[in-house]
Amino acid sequence: MRNNINVFIVILLFLAAVTACRDHYHANVSGIKVDIRAARLENDLFSADPASIPMTAKALAGKYGKFLQYFSYVINIGEVEDSLWKEGLLRFCTDKLNNEVYGAVQNKFDDLSDIEKGLTEAFRHYLYYFPGSVVPEIYTCITGFNNSIIVGDSVLGIGLDRYLGKECRYYSMLGLYNYQVVKMSREYIVPDAVYAWIASEWDYASAGYDPDNVLSEIIHEGKLLYLKKCMLPDLKDELIFGFTPEQLSFCKKNEGMMWQYMIENNLLFSSDQLTRKKLTGEAPFTTYFTRESPGRAAVWIGFRIVESYMKNNRGVTPEDLMKERDTQVILSGARYSPGV
């Protein structure tokens, strides 16, 4: 009988631990209404008779509003009101390669229901943590491979030509690196869009961190990743961080080593731009560590600090976190212990 009780207690403790872990990121959003449907600019541009494009420009502007202007900047055809804008749009829509790419996009993205569902759930969580905030209108397009995500005032655009999959022949033609191409696939659309939105809402330049150094940057990026995980609580960590399973394993196994290296080499308080780029910039690996490390490994450390801070300060909300400008408050409150 005593053995059965002991087993029962162990099971309860295990379930409590699992529940506590889930509750840290999972929220009840069932009462929050968001219904995202993507407006598909690429269909309107490339399925129409090219001769009709100049005549339907006004209708496009009415349907796509301010996003059409953001899109026009991305493909470098200027202001919608400019007299040469229609000609630029016509050149873009009649370009042979752009039409080939549109065909590839149609094959891959005939149905966007999974992406719309993923974004709907993400922004339901966003409103849970930031009630009353703006949920952007979602648009898709092709951009001549210029942009993955376009963010503007209350709009968010997805360049579908940047998510055709790592086998896409256009990416090798463009000379893109493998570490870039592995993340140019469908499963990255929702996490990329979420990150782009929150990074525009809380951009580093406007945050006002003092001092402006490596520690401030990795904690700021850690905040963004923490919020990204709050908005996408069921998404695999590999997709949250943009790491392969092997790279994520490296970070978990070498967390203490990376943190100690940054401390011992006085990297945390460096304001040198090259140092910061090596630690936080997109790259095949982080040069201060080993070739097995992912690029932006230091940003993962920043996330771990922020996560520890939030776990150890349960009264702090994500809204409070994003308002906190003193990185020393976060570092001290985190009681960060690498590997725990």
C-alpha atoms as a PDB file:
ATOM      1  CA  MET A   1       0.000   0.000   0.000  1.00  0.00           C
ATOM      2  CA  ARG A   2       2.799   2.430   0.947  1.00  0.00           C
ATOM      3  CA  ASN A   3       4.559   1.742  -2.365  1.00  0.00           C
ATOM      4  CA  ASN A   4       1.359   2.529  -4.249  1.00  0.00           C
ATOM      5  CA  ILE A   5       1.006   5.818  -2.340  1.00  0.00           C
ATOM      6  CA  ASN A   6       4.587   6.725  -3.117  1.00  0.00           C
ATOM      7  CA  VAL A   7       4.052   6.013  -6.797  1.00  0.00           C
ATOM      8  CA  PHE A   8       0.859   8.095  -6.735  1.00  0.00           C
ATOM      9  CA  ILE A   9       2.697  11.026  -5.138  1.00  0.00           C
ATOM     10  CA  VAL A  10       5.487  10.810  -7.705  1.00  0.00           C
ATOM     11  CA  ILE A  11       2.915  10.868 -10.532  1.00  0.00           C
ATOM     12  CA  LEU A  12       1.176  13.901  -9.018  1.00  0.00           C
ATOM     13  CA  LEU A  13       4.474  15.747  -8.663  1.00  0.00           C
ATOM     14  CA  PHE A  14       5.383  14.909 -12.250  1.00  0.00           C
ATOM     15  CA  LEU A  15       2.016  16.129 -13.530  1.00  0.00           C
ATOM     16  CA  ALA A  16       2.314  19.304 -11.466  1.00  0.00           C
ATOM     17  CA  ALA A  17       5.760  19.957 -12.906  1.00  0.00           C
ATOM     18  CA  VAL A  18       4.531  19.419 -16.450  1.00  0.00           C
ATOM     19  CA  THR A  19       1.519  21.660 -15.847  1.00  0.00           C
ATOM     20  CA  ALA A  20       3.688  24.392 -14.324  1.00  0.00           C
ATOM     21  CA  CYS A  21       6.029  24.219 -17.299  1.00  0.00           C
ATOM     22  CA  ARG A  22       3.130  24.458 -19.757  1.00  0.00           C
ATOM     23  CA  ASP A  23       1.396  27.247 -17.804  1.00  0.00           C
ATOM     24  CA  HIS A  24       4.479  29.413 -18.115  1.00  0.00           C
ATOM     25  CA  TYR A  25       3.747  29.828 -21.822  1.00  0.00           C
ATOM     26  CA  HIS A  26       0.236  28.520 -22.334  1.00  0.00           C
ATOM     27  CA  ALA A  27      -2.700  30.844 -21.845  1.00  0.00           C
ATOM     28  CA  ASN A  28      -6.438  30.392 -22.187  1.00  0.00           C
ATOM     29  CA  VAL A  29      -7.239  32.428 -25.287  1.00  0.00           C
ATOM     30  CA  SER A  30     -10.568  30.770 -26.047  1.00  0.00           C
ATOM     31  CA  GLY A  31     -12.493  33.993 -25.432  1.00  0.00           C
ATOM     32  CA  ILE A  32     -10.345  36.132 -27.714  1.00  0.00           C
ATOM     33  CA  LYS A  33     -11.672  36.603 -31.230  1.00  0.00           C
ATOM     34  CA  VAL A  34      -9.210  36.922 -34.095  1.00  0.00           C
ATOM     35  CA  ASP A  35      -9.831  35.625 -37.595  1.00  0.00           C
ATOM     36  CA  ILE A  36      -6.956  36.213 -39.972  1.00  0.00           C
ATOM     37  CA  ARG A  37      -7.437  35.860 -43.705  1.00  0.00           C
ATOM     38  CA  ALA A  38      -4.596  36.759 -46.032  1.00  0.00           C
ATOM     39  CA  ALA A  39      -5.267  39.018 -49.007  1.00  0.00           C
ATOM     40  CA  ARG A  40      -3.248  37.688 -51.944  1.00  0.00           C
ATOM     41  CA  LEU A  41      -1.737  40.509 -53.943  1.00  0.00           C
ATOM     42  CA  GLU A  42       0.318  38.128 -56.107  1.00  0.00           C
ATOM     43  CA  ASN A  43      -2.859  36.558 -57.477  1.00  0.00           C
ATOM     44  CA  ASP A  44      -4.356  39.882 -58.448  1.00  0.00           C
ATOM     45  CA  LEU A  45      -1.129  40.981 -60.113  1.00  0.00           C
ATOM     46  CA  PHE A  46      -0.147  37.839 -62.015  1.00  0.00           C
ATOM     47  CA  SER A  47      -3.462  36.252 -62.901  1.00  0.00           C
ATOM     48  CA  ALA A  48      -4.732  39.403 -64.609  1.00  0.00           C
ATOM     49  CA  ASP A  49      -4.228  40.367 -68.227  1.00  0.00           C
ATOM     50  CA  PRO A  50      -1.064  42.511 -68.132  1.00  0.00           C
ATOM     51  CA  ALA A  51      -2.693  45.036 -70.426  1.00  0.00           C
ATOM     52  CA  SER A  52      -5.334  45.694 -67.785  1.00  0.00           C
ATOM     53  CA  ILE A  53      -2.887  46.432 -64.952  1.00  0.00           C
ATOM     54  CA  PRO A  54      -2.518  50.172 -65.601  1.00  0.00           C
ATOM     55  CA  MET A  55      -6.297  50.504 -65.781  1.00  0.00           C
ATOM     56  CA  THR A  56      -6.917  48.523 -62.573  1.00  0.00           C
ATOM     57  CA  ALA A  57      -4.235  50.297 -60.512  1.00  0.00           C
ATOM     58  CA  LYS A  58      -6.825  52.408 -58.734  1.00  0.00           C
ATOM     59  CA  ALA A  59      -8.812  49.304 -57.787  1.00  0.00           C
ATOM     60  CA  LEU A  60      -5.625  47.680 -56.442  1.00  0.00           C
ATOM     61  CA  ALA A  61      -4.923  50.731 -54.320  1.00  0.00           C
ATOM     62  CA  GLY A  62      -8.462  50.580 -52.962  1.00  0.00           C
ATOM     63  CA  LYS A  63      -8.192  46.894 -52.082  1.00  0.00           C
ATOM     64  CA  TYR A  64      -4.655  46.809 -50.688  1.00  0.00           C
ATOM     65  CA  GLY A  65      -4.418  50.294 -49.220  1.00  0.00           C
ATOM     66  CA  LYS A  66      -1.149  51.244 -47.547  1.00  0.00           C
ATOM     67  CA  PHE A  67       0.318  47.789 -48.118  1.00  0.00           C
ATOM     68  CA  LEU A  68       0.482  48.462 -51.849  1.00  0.00           C
ATOM     69  CA  GLN A  69       2.804  51.379 -51.119  1.00  0.00           C
ATOM     70  CA  TYR A  70       5.056  49.306 -48.852  1.00  0.00           C
ATOM     71  CA  PHE A  71       5.162  46.625 -51.535  1.00  0.00           C
ATOM     72  CA  SER A  72       6.053  49.225 -54.165  1.00  0.00           C
ATOM     73  CA  TYR A  73       9.011  50.383 -52.083  1.00  0.00           C
ATOM     74  CA  VAL A  74      10.224  46.795 -51.767  1.00  0.00           C
ATOM     75  CA  ILE A  75      10.168  46.178 -55.530  1.00  0.00           C
ATOM     76  CA  ASN A  76      11.615  49.651 -56.110  1.00  0.00           C
ATOM     77  CA  ILE A  77       8.914  51.245 -58.259  1.00  0.00           C
ATOM     78  CA  GLY A  78       8.401  54.311 -56.091  1.00  0.00           C
ATOM     79  CA  GLU A  79       5.291  56.140 -54.960  1.00  0.00           C
ATOM     80  CA  VAL A  80       1.867  54.837 -55.947  1.00  0.00           C
ATOM     81  CA  GLU A  81       0.848  58.364 -56.862  1.00  0.00           C
ATOM     82  CA  ASP A  82       3.863  58.868 -59.130  1.00  0.00           C
ATOM     83  CA  SER A  83       3.146  59.046 -62.856  1.00  0.00           C
ATOM     84  CA  LEU A  84       5.697  56.295 -63.599  1.00  0.00           C
ATOM     85  CA  TRP A  85       4.412  53.888 -60.947  1.00  0.00           C
ATOM     86  CA  LYS A  86       2.012  52.057 -63.274  1.00  0.00           C
ATOM     87  CA  GLU A  87       4.808  51.411 -65.755  1.00  0.00           C
ATOM     88  CA  GLY A  88       7.008  50.025 -63.014  1.00  0.00           C
ATOM     89  CA  LEU A  89       4.253  47.712 -61.825  1.00  0.00           C
ATOM     90  CA  LEU A  90       3.641  46.522 -65.388  1.00  0.00           C
ATOM     91  CA  ARG A  91       7.360  45.728 -65.833  1.00  0.00           C
ATOM     92  CA  PHE A  92       7.333  43.731 -62.600  1.00  0.00           C
ATOM     93  CA  CYS A  93       4.245  41.760 -63.608  1.00  0.00           C
ATOM     94  CA  THR A  94       5.441  40.974 -67.121  1.00  0.00           C
ATOM     95  CA  ASP A  95       8.968  39.955 -66.126  1.00  0.00           C
ATOM     96  CA  LYS A  96       9.573  36.363 -67.258  1.00  0.00           C
ATOM     97  CA  LEU A  97      11.327  35.232 -64.072  1.00  0.00           C
ATOM     98  CA  ASN A  98       8.678  36.805 -61.852  1.00  0.00           C
ATOM     99  CA  ASN A  99       6.010  34.891 -63.746  1.00  0.00           C
ATOM    100  CA  GLU A 100       7.958  31.636 -63.346  1.00  0.00           C
ATOM    101  CA  VAL A 101       8.264  32.308 -59.630  1.00  0.00           C
ATOM    102  CA  TYR A 102       4.562  33.059 -59.408  1.00  0.00           C
ATOM    103  CA  GLY A 103       3.877  29.618 -60.880  1.00  0.00           C
ATOM    104  CA  ALA A 104       6.119  28.032 -58.232  1.00  0.00           C
ATOM    105  CA  VAL A 105       4.337  30.010 -55.514  1.00  0.00           C
ATOM    106  CA  GLN A 106       0.959  28.839 -56.803  1.00  0.00           C
ATOM    107  CA  ASN A 107       2.111  25.221 -56.654  1.00  0.00           C
ATOM    108  CA  LYS A 108       3.395  25.572 -53.089  1.00  0.00           C
ATOM    109  CA  PHE A 109       0.830  27.950 -51.648  1.00  0.00           C
ATOM    110  CA  ASP A 110      -2.477  27.263 -53.331  1.00  0.00           C
ATOM    111  CA  ASP A 111      -3.939  26.812 -49.829  1.00  0.00           C
ATOM    112  CA  LEU A 112      -2.862  29.099 -46.970  1.00  0.00           C
ATOM    113  CA  SER A 113      -5.290  27.815 -44.335  1.00  0.00           C
ATOM    114  CA  ASP A 114      -2.534  26.418 -42.095  1.00  0.00           C
ATOM    115  CA  ILE A 115      -0.667  29.729 -42.160  1.00  0.00           C
ATOM    116  CA  GLU A 116      -3.844  31.716 -41.495  1.00  0.00           C
ATOM    117  CA  LYS A 117      -4.677  29.409 -38.588  1.00  0.00           C
ATOM    118  CA  GLY A 118      -1.166  29.725 -37.153  1.00  0.00           C
ATOM    119  CA  LEU A 119      -1.261  33.522 -37.344  1.00  0.00           C
ATOM    120  CA  THR A 120      -4.768  33.615 -35.907  1.00  0.00           C
ATOM    121  CA  GLU A 121      -3.647  31.656 -32.842  1.00  0.00           C
ATOM    122  CA  ALA A 122      -0.492  33.768 -32.487  1.00  0.00           C
ATOM    123  CA  PHE A 123      -2.413  37.030 -32.480  1.00  0.00           C
ATOM    124  CA  ARG A 124      -5.021  35.677 -30.098  1.00  0.00           C
ATOM    125  CA  HIS A 125      -2.143  35.190 -27.681  1.00  0.00           C
ATOM    126  CA  TYR A 126      -0.836  38.644 -28.582  1.00  0.00           C
ATOM    127  CA  LEU A 127      -4.150  40.228 -27.561  1.00  0.00           C
ATOM    128  CA  TYR A 128      -4.177  38.139 -24.381  1.00  0.00           C
ATOM    129  CA  TYR A 129      -0.877  39.673 -23.291  1.00  0.00           C
ATOM    130  CA  PHE A 130      -1.426  43.090 -24.867  1.00  0.00           C
ATOM    131  CA  PRO A 131      -5.192  43.747 -24.845  1.00  0.00           C
ATOM    132  CA  GLY A 132      -6.368  46.515 -27.113  1.00  0.00           C
ATOM    133  CA  SER A 133      -3.350  46.228 -29.407  1.00  0.00           C
ATOM    134  CA  VAL A 134      -3.600  46.368 -33.174  1.00  0.00           C
ATOM    135  CA  VAL A 135      -3.770  43.073 -35.053  1.00  0.00           C
ATOM    136  CA  PRO A 136      -2.232  43.675 -38.475  1.00  0.00           C
ATOM    137  CA  GLU A 137      -3.917  43.004 -41.768  1.00  0.00           C
ATOM    138  CA  ILE A 138      -2.104  40.132 -43.494  1.00  0.00           C
ATOM    139  CA  TYR A 139      -1.078  40.181 -47.152  1.00  0.00           C
ATOM    140  CA  THR A 140       0.932  37.872 -49.372  1.00  0.00           C
ATOM    141  CA  CYS A 141       2.992  38.780 -52.410  1.00  0.00           C
ATOM    142  CA  ILE A 142       6.126  37.946 -54.327  1.00  0.00           C
ATOM    143  CA  THR A 143       8.926  40.469 -54.033  1.00  0.00           C
ATOM    144  CA  GLY A 144      11.575  39.456 -56.535  1.00  0.00           C
ATOM    145  CA  PHE A 145      13.242  37.643 -53.602  1.00  0.00           C
ATOM    146  CA  ASN A 146      13.822  40.978 -51.865  1.00  0.00           C
ATOM    147  CA  ASN A 147      11.911  40.546 -48.598  1.00  0.00           C
ATOM    148  CA  SER A 148      10.623  37.654 -46.526  1.00  0.00           C
ATOM    149  CA  ILE A 149       8.395  39.809 -44.339  1.00  0.00           C
ATOM    150  CA  ILE A 150       7.171  43.369 -44.882  1.00  0.00           C
ATOM    151  CA  VAL A 151       6.016  45.251 -41.792  1.00  0.00           C
ATOM    152  CA  GLY A 152       4.306  48.612 -41.798  1.00  0.00           C
ATOM    153  CA  ASP A 153       1.707  50.533 -39.847  1.00  0.00           C
ATOM    154  CA  SER A 154      -0.980  47.918 -39.037  1.00  0.00           C
ATOM    155  CA  VAL A 155       0.015  45.695 -41.980  1.00  0.00           C
ATOM    156  CA  LEU A 156       2.165  42.610 -42.324  1.00  0.00           C
ATOM    157  CA  GLY A 157       3.154  41.163 -45.687  1.00  0.00           C
ATOM    158  CA  ILE A 158       4.615  37.753 -46.502  1.00  0.00           C
ATOM    159  CA  GLY A 159       6.930  37.385 -49.484  1.00  0.00           C
ATOM    160  CA  LEU A 160       6.013  33.851 -50.472  1.00  0.00           C
ATOM    161  CA  ASP A 161       8.870  33.635 -52.973  1.00  0.00           C
ATOM    162  CA  ARG A 162      11.216  33.560 -49.973  1.00  0.00           C
ATOM    163  CA  TYR A 163       9.609  30.375 -48.596  1.00  0.00           C
ATOM    164  CA  LEU A 164       9.695  27.935 -51.503  1.00  0.00           C
ATOM    165  CA  GLY A 165      11.806  25.341 -49.660  1.00  0.00           C
ATOM    166  CA  LYS A 166      15.496  24.607 -49.400  1.00  0.00           C
ATOM    167  CA  GLU A 167      15.489  22.648 -52.689  1.00  0.00           C
ATOM    168  CA  CYS A 168      14.282  25.691 -54.644  1.00  0.00           C
ATOM    169  CA  ARG A 169      16.626  26.195 -57.588  1.00  0.00           C
ATOM    170  CA  TYR A 170      16.232  29.962 -57.519  1.00  0.00           C
ATOM    171  CA  TYR A 171      17.999  30.201 -54.170  1.00  0.00           C
ATOM    172  CA  SER A 172      21.164  28.566 -55.462  1.00  0.00           C
ATOM    173  CA  MET A 173      20.989  30.829 -58.530  1.00  0.00           C
ATOM    174  CA  LEU A 174      20.903  33.825 -56.174  1.00  0.00           C
ATOM    175  CA  GLY A 175      23.997  32.569 -54.352  1.00  0.00           C
ATOM    176  CA  LEU A 176      22.298  32.323 -50.969  1.00  0.00           C
ATOM    177  CA  TYR A 177      24.151  30.483 -48.226  1.00  0.00           C
ATOM    178  CA  ASN A 178      22.929  27.166 -46.869  1.00  0.00           C
ATOM    179  CA  TYR A 179      22.343  28.578 -43.374  1.00  0.00           C
ATOM    180  CA  GLN A 180      19.936  31.056 -44.968  1.00  0.00           C
ATOM    181  CA  VAL A 181      18.205  28.615 -47.304  1.00  0.00           C
ATOM    182  CA  VAL A 182      17.393  26.041 -44.607  1.00  0.00           C
ATOM    183  CA  LYS A 183      15.021  28.583 -43.058  1.00  0.00           C
ATOM    184  CA  MET A 184      13.320  29.559 -46.325  1.00  0.00           C
ATOM    185  CA  SER A 185      10.491  27.066 -46.118  1.00  0.00           C
ATOM    186  CA  ARG A 186       6.808  27.040 -45.253  1.00  0.00           C
ATOM    187  CA  GLU A 187       7.151  26.170 -41.573  1.00  0.00           C
ATOM    188  CA  TYR A 188       9.101  29.374 -40.940  1.00  0.00           C
ATOM    189  CA  ILE A 189       6.427  31.732 -42.280  1.00  0.00           C
ATOM    190  CA  VAL A 190       4.406  32.064 -39.077  1.00  0.00           C
ATOM    191  CA  PRO A 191       7.374  32.380 -36.668  1.00  0.00           C
ATOM    192  CA  ASP A 192       9.127  34.823 -39.012  1.00  0.00           C
ATOM    193  CA  ALA A 193       5.984  36.945 -39.311  1.00  0.00           C
ATOM    194  CA  VAL A 194       5.452  36.956 -35.544  1.00  0.00           C
ATOM    195  CA  TYR A 195       9.067  37.931 -34.874  1.00  0.00           C
ATOM    196  CA  ALA A 196       9.003  40.682 -37.509  1.00  0.00           C
ATOM    197  CA  TRP A 197       5.843  42.160 -36.018  1.00  0.00           C
ATOM    198  CA  ILE A 198       7.047  42.250 -32.414  1.00  0.00           C
ATOM    199  CA  ALA A 199      10.520  43.437 -33.458  1.00  0.00           C
ATOM    200  CA  SER A 200       8.863  46.401 -35.167  1.00  0.00           C
ATOM    201  CA  GLU A 201       6.653  47.094 -32.159  1.00  0.00           C
ATOM    202  CA  TRP A 202       9.626  46.988 -29.785  1.00  0.00           C
ATOM    203  CA  ASP A 203      12.638  47.903 -31.887  1.00  0.00           C
ATOM    204  CA  TYR A 204      16.041  48.130 -30.260  1.00  0.00           C
ATOM    205  CA  ALA A 205      16.827  51.635 -31.484  1.00  0.00           C
ATOM    206  CA  SER A 206      13.779  53.086 -29.726  1.00  0.00           C
ATOM    207  CA  ALA A 207      14.188  51.090 -26.523  1.00  0.00           C
ATOM    208  CA  GLY A 208      16.657  53.479 -24.936  1.00  0.00           C
ATOM    209  CA  TYR A 209      18.915  50.991 -23.200  1.00  0.00           C
ATOM    210  CA  ASP A 210      21.769  52.586 -21.283  1.00  0.00           C
ATOM    211  CA  PRO A 211      24.454  51.441 -21.677  1.00  0.00           C
ATOM    212  CA  ASP A 212      24.122  50.286 -25.265  1.00  0.00           C
ATOM    213  CA  ASN A 213      26.219  47.116 -25.274  1.00  0.00           C
ATOM    214  CA  VAL A 214      26.216  43.358 -25.903  1.00  0.00           C
ATOM    215  CA  LEU A 215      24.276  42.617 -22.708  1.00  0.00           C
ATOM    216  CA  SER A 216      21.553  45.107 -23.627  1.00  0.00           C
ATOM    217  CA  GLU A 217      21.280  43.680 -27.129  1.00  0.00           C
ATOM    218  CA  ILE A 218      21.088  40.021 -26.140  1.00  0.00           C
ATOM    219  CA  ILE A 219      18.536  40.756 -23.413  1.00  0.00           C
ATOM    220  CA  HIS A 220      16.444  42.797 -25.853  1.00  0.00           C
ATOM    221  CA  GLU A 221      16.568  39.950 -28.367  1.00  0.00           C
ATOM    222  CA  GLY A 222      15.825  37.563 -25.510  1.00  0.00           C
ATOM    223  CA  LYS A 223      12.676  39.547 -24.752  1.00  0.00           C
ATOM    224  CA  LEU A 224      11.556  39.255 -28.372  1.00  0.00           C
ATOM    225  CA  LEU A 225      12.165  35.513 -28.403  1.00  0.00           C
ATOM    226  CA  TYR A 226      10.362  35.102 -25.086  1.00  0.00           C
ATOM    227  CA  LEU A 227       7.354  36.969 -26.454  1.00  0.00           C
ATOM    228  CA  LYS A 228       7.564  34.959 -29.675  1.00  0.00           C
ATOM    229  CA  LYS A 229       7.362  31.773 -27.615  1.00  0.00           C
ATOM    230  CA  CYS A 230       4.418  33.188 -25.642  1.00  0.00           C
ATOM    231  CA  MET A 231       2.602  33.828 -28.907  1.00  0.00           C
ATOM    232  CA  LEU A 232       3.526  30.409 -30.335  1.00  0.00           C
ATOM    233  CA  PRO A 233       3.549  28.153 -27.263  1.00  0.00           C
ATOM    234  CA  ASP A 234       3.128  24.901 -29.179  1.00  0.00           C
ATOM    235  CA  LEU A 235       5.756  25.569 -31.838  1.00  0.00           C
ATOM    236  CA  LYS A 236       8.956  23.532 -31.753  1.00  0.00           C
ATOM    237  CA  ASP A 237      11.901  25.362 -30.200  1.00  0.00           C
ATOM    238  CA  GLU A 238      13.940  24.781 -33.348  1.00  0.00           C
ATOM    239  CA  LEU A 239      11.479  26.984 -35.242  1.00  0.00           C
ATOM    240  CA  ILE A 240      11.297  29.563 -32.460  1.00  0.00           C
ATOM    241  CA  PHE A 241      15.072  30.061 -32.507  1.00  0.00           C
ATOM    242  CA  GLY A 242      15.803  29.134 -36.113  1.00  0.00           C
ATOM    243  CA  PHE A 243      18.195  26.365 -35.050  1.00  0.00           C
ATOM    244  CA  THR A 244      18.644  22.826 -36.283  1.00  0.00           C
ATOM    245  CA  PRO A 245      18.078  20.119 -33.639  1.00  0.00           C
ATOM    246  CA  GLU A 246      21.855  19.687 -33.452  1.00  0.00           C
ATOM    247  CA  GLN A 247      22.430  23.401 -32.916  1.00  0.00           C
ATOM    248  CA  LEU A 248      19.799  23.571 -30.194  1.00  0.00           C
ATOM    249  CA  SER A 249      21.400  20.565 -28.516  1.00  0.00           C
ATOM    250  CA  PHE A 250      24.767  22.334 -28.667  1.00  0.00           C
ATOM    251  CA  CYS A 251      23.318  25.388 -26.933  1.00  0.00           C
ATOM    252  CA  LYS A 252      21.750  23.344 -24.162  1.00  0.00           C
ATOM    253  CA  LYS A 253      24.910  21.335 -23.560  1.00  0.00           C
ATOM    254  CA  ASN A 254      27.254  24.321 -23.718  1.00  0.00           C
ATOM    255  CA  GLU A 255      25.165  27.052 -22.157  1.00  0.00           C
ATOM    256  CA  GLY A 256      27.480  27.439 -19.169  1.00  0.00           C
ATOM    257  CA  MET A 257      30.578  27.428 -21.350  1.00  0.00           C
ATOM    258  CA  MET A 258      29.233  30.160 -23.638  1.00  0.00           C
ATOM    259  CA  TRP A 259      28.176  32.349 -20.718  1.00  0.00           C
ATOM    260  CA  GLN A 260      31.523  31.910 -18.978  1.00  0.00           C
ATOM    261  CA  TYR A 261      33.409  32.704 -22.178  1.00  0.00           C
ATOM    262  CA  MET A 262      31.551  35.981 -22.611  1.00  0.00           C
ATOM    263  CA  ILE A 263      32.252  36.946 -19.003  1.00  0.00           C
ATOM    264  CA  GLU A 264      35.934  35.971 -18.985  1.00  0.00           C
ATOM    265  CA  ASN A 265      36.604  37.773 -22.268  1.00  0.00           C
ATOM    266  CA  ASN A 266      34.741  40.948 -21.257  1.00  0.00           C
ATOM    267  CA  LEU A 267      32.292  40.611 -24.116  1.00  0.00           C
ATOM    268  CA  LEU A 268      29.069  41.351 -22.230  1.00  0.00           C
ATOM    269  CA  PHE A 269      29.769  45.022 -21.741  1.00  0.00           C
ATOM    270  CA  SER A 270      31.400  45.634 -25.104  1.00  0.00           C
ATOM    271  CA  SER A 271      29.831  48.313 -27.296  1.00  0.00           C
ATOM    272  CA  ASP A 272      32.046  47.425 -30.268  1.00  0.00           C
ATOM    273  CA  GLN A 273      29.832  46.905 -33.323  1.00  0.00           C
ATOM    274  CA  LEU A 274      31.935  44.095 -34.806  1.00  0.00           C
ATOM    275  CA  THR A 275      31.872  42.176 -31.531  1.00  0.00           C
ATOM    276  CA  ARG A 276      28.123  42.565 -31.322  1.00  0.00           C
ATOM    277  CA  LYS A 277      27.640  41.446 -34.912  1.00  0.00           C
ATOM    278  CA  LYS A 278      29.719  38.312 -34.327  1.00  0.00           C
ATOM    279  CA  LEU A 279      27.598  37.400 -31.311  1.00  0.00           C
ATOM    280  CA  THR A 280      24.130  38.374 -32.491  1.00  0.00           C
ATOM    281  CA  GLY A 281      24.190  38.584 -36.299  1.00  0.00           C
ATOM    282  CA  GLU A 282      22.888  35.997 -38.735  1.00  0.00           C
ATOM    283  CA  ALA A 283      25.758  33.642 -39.597  1.00  0.00           C
ATOM    284  CA  PRO A 284      26.482  29.930 -40.110  1.00  0.00           C
ATOM    285  CA  PHE A 285      27.943  29.788 -36.587  1.00  0.00           C
ATOM    286  CA  THR A 286      29.038  32.091 -33.748  1.00  0.00           C
ATOM    287  CA  THR A 287      32.753  32.711 -34.246  1.00  0.00           C
ATOM    288  CA  TYR A 288      33.505  33.177 -30.545  1.00  0.00           C
ATOM    289  CA  PHE A 289      32.339  29.634 -29.848  1.00  0.00           C
ATOM    290  CA  THR A 290      32.755  26.666 -32.204  1.00  0.00           C
ATOM    291  CA  ARG A 291      31.648  25.753 -35.709  1.00  0.00           C
ATOM    292  CA  GLU A 292      28.996  23.494 -34.142  1.00  0.00           C
ATOM    293  CA  SER A 293      27.303  26.508 -32.577  1.00  0.00           C
ATOM    294  CA  PRO A 294      24.485  28.300 -34.391  1.00  0.00           C
ATOM    295  CA  GLY A 295      24.706  31.911 -35.462  1.00  0.00           C
ATOM    296  CA  ARG A 296      23.145  34.191 -32.848  1.00  0.00           C
ATOM    297  CA  ALA A 297      24.007  31.755 -30.069  1.00  0.00           C
ATOM    298  CA  ALA A 298      24.452  34.707 -27.691  1.00  0.00           C
ATOM    299  CA  VAL A 299      20.856  35.725 -28.410  1.00  0.00           C
ATOM    300  CA  TRP A 300      19.770  32.322 -27.134  1.00  0.00           C
ATOM    301  CA  ILE A 301      21.654  33.108 -23.909  1.00  0.00           C
ATOM    302  CA  GLY A 302      19.684  36.362 -23.754  1.00  0.00           C
ATOM    303  CA  PHE A 303      16.464  34.375 -24.067  1.00  0.00           C
ATOM    304  CA  ARG A 304      17.533  32.060 -21.251  1.00  0.00           C
ATOM    305  CA  ILE A 305      18.212  35.063 -18.996  1.00  0.00           C
ATOM    306  CA  VAL A 306      14.803  36.565 -19.773  1.00  0.00           C
ATOM    307  CA  GLU A 307      13.063  33.210 -19.308  1.00  0.00           C
ATOM    308  CA  SER A 308      14.740  32.806 -15.917  1.00  0.00           C
ATOM    309  CA  TYR A 309      13.700  36.346 -14.983  1.00  0.00           C
ATOM    310  CA  MET A 310      10.071  35.644 -15.811  1.00  0.00           C
ATOM    311  CA  LYS A 311      10.034  32.312 -13.978  1.00  0.00           C
ATOM    312  CA  ASN A 312      11.534  33.868 -10.864  1.00  0.00           C
ATOM    313  CA  ASN A 313       9.277  36.924 -10.922  1.00  0.00           C
ATOM    314  CA  ARG A 314       5.805  35.547 -11.501  1.00  0.00           C
ATOM    315  CA  GLY A 315       4.143  38.914 -10.930  1.00  0.00           C
ATOM    316  CA  VAL A 316       5.893  40.403 -13.960  1.00  0.00           C
ATOM    317  CA  THR A 317       3.768  40.281 -17.091  1.00  0.00           C
ATOM    318  CA  PRO A 318       5.087  40.233 -20.673  1.00  0.00           C
ATOM    319  CA  GLU A 319       3.869  43.831 -20.917  1.00  0.00           C
ATOM    320  CA  ASP A 320       5.973  44.744 -17.870  1.00  0.00           C
ATOM    321  CA  LEU A 321       8.926  42.894 -19.372  1.00  0.00           C
ATOM    322  CA  MET A 322       8.815  44.808 -22.633  1.00  0.00           C
ATOM    323  CA  LYS A 323       8.703  48.133 -20.754  1.00  0.00           C
ATOM    324  CA  GLU A 324      11.739  47.316 -18.582  1.00  0.00           C
ATOM    325  CA  ARG A 325      14.761  49.218 -19.891  1.00  0.00           C
ATOM    326  CA  ASP A 326      17.255  48.417 -17.132  1.00  0.00           C
ATOM    327  CA  THR A 327      19.075  45.262 -18.184  1.00  0.00           C
ATOM    328  CA  GLN A 328      20.720  45.012 -14.777  1.00  0.00           C
ATOM    329  CA  VAL A 329      17.277  44.697 -13.185  1.00  0.00           C
ATOM    330  CA  ILE A 330      16.541  41.773 -15.501  1.00  0.00           C
ATOM    331  CA  LEU A 331      19.951  40.153 -15.019  1.00  0.00           C
ATOM    332  CA  SER A 332      19.807  40.450 -11.223  1.00  0.00           C
ATOM    333  CA  GLY A 333      16.172  39.354 -11.028  1.00  0.00           C
ATOM    334  CA  ALA A 334      16.839  36.379 -13.299  1.00  0.00           C
ATOM    335  CA  ARG A 335      19.238  34.792 -10.824  1.00  0.00           C
ATOM    336  CA  TYR A 336      20.521  33.180 -13.995  1.00  0.00           C
ATOM    337  CA  SER A 337      22.200  29.810 -13.541  1.00  0.00           C
ATOM    338  CA  PRO A 338      23.296  28.397 -16.924  1.00  0.00           C
ATOM    339  CA  GLY A 339      22.103  24.899 -17.625  1.00  0.00           C
ATOM    340  CA  VAL A 340      19.293  24.959 -15.047  1.00  0.00           C
END
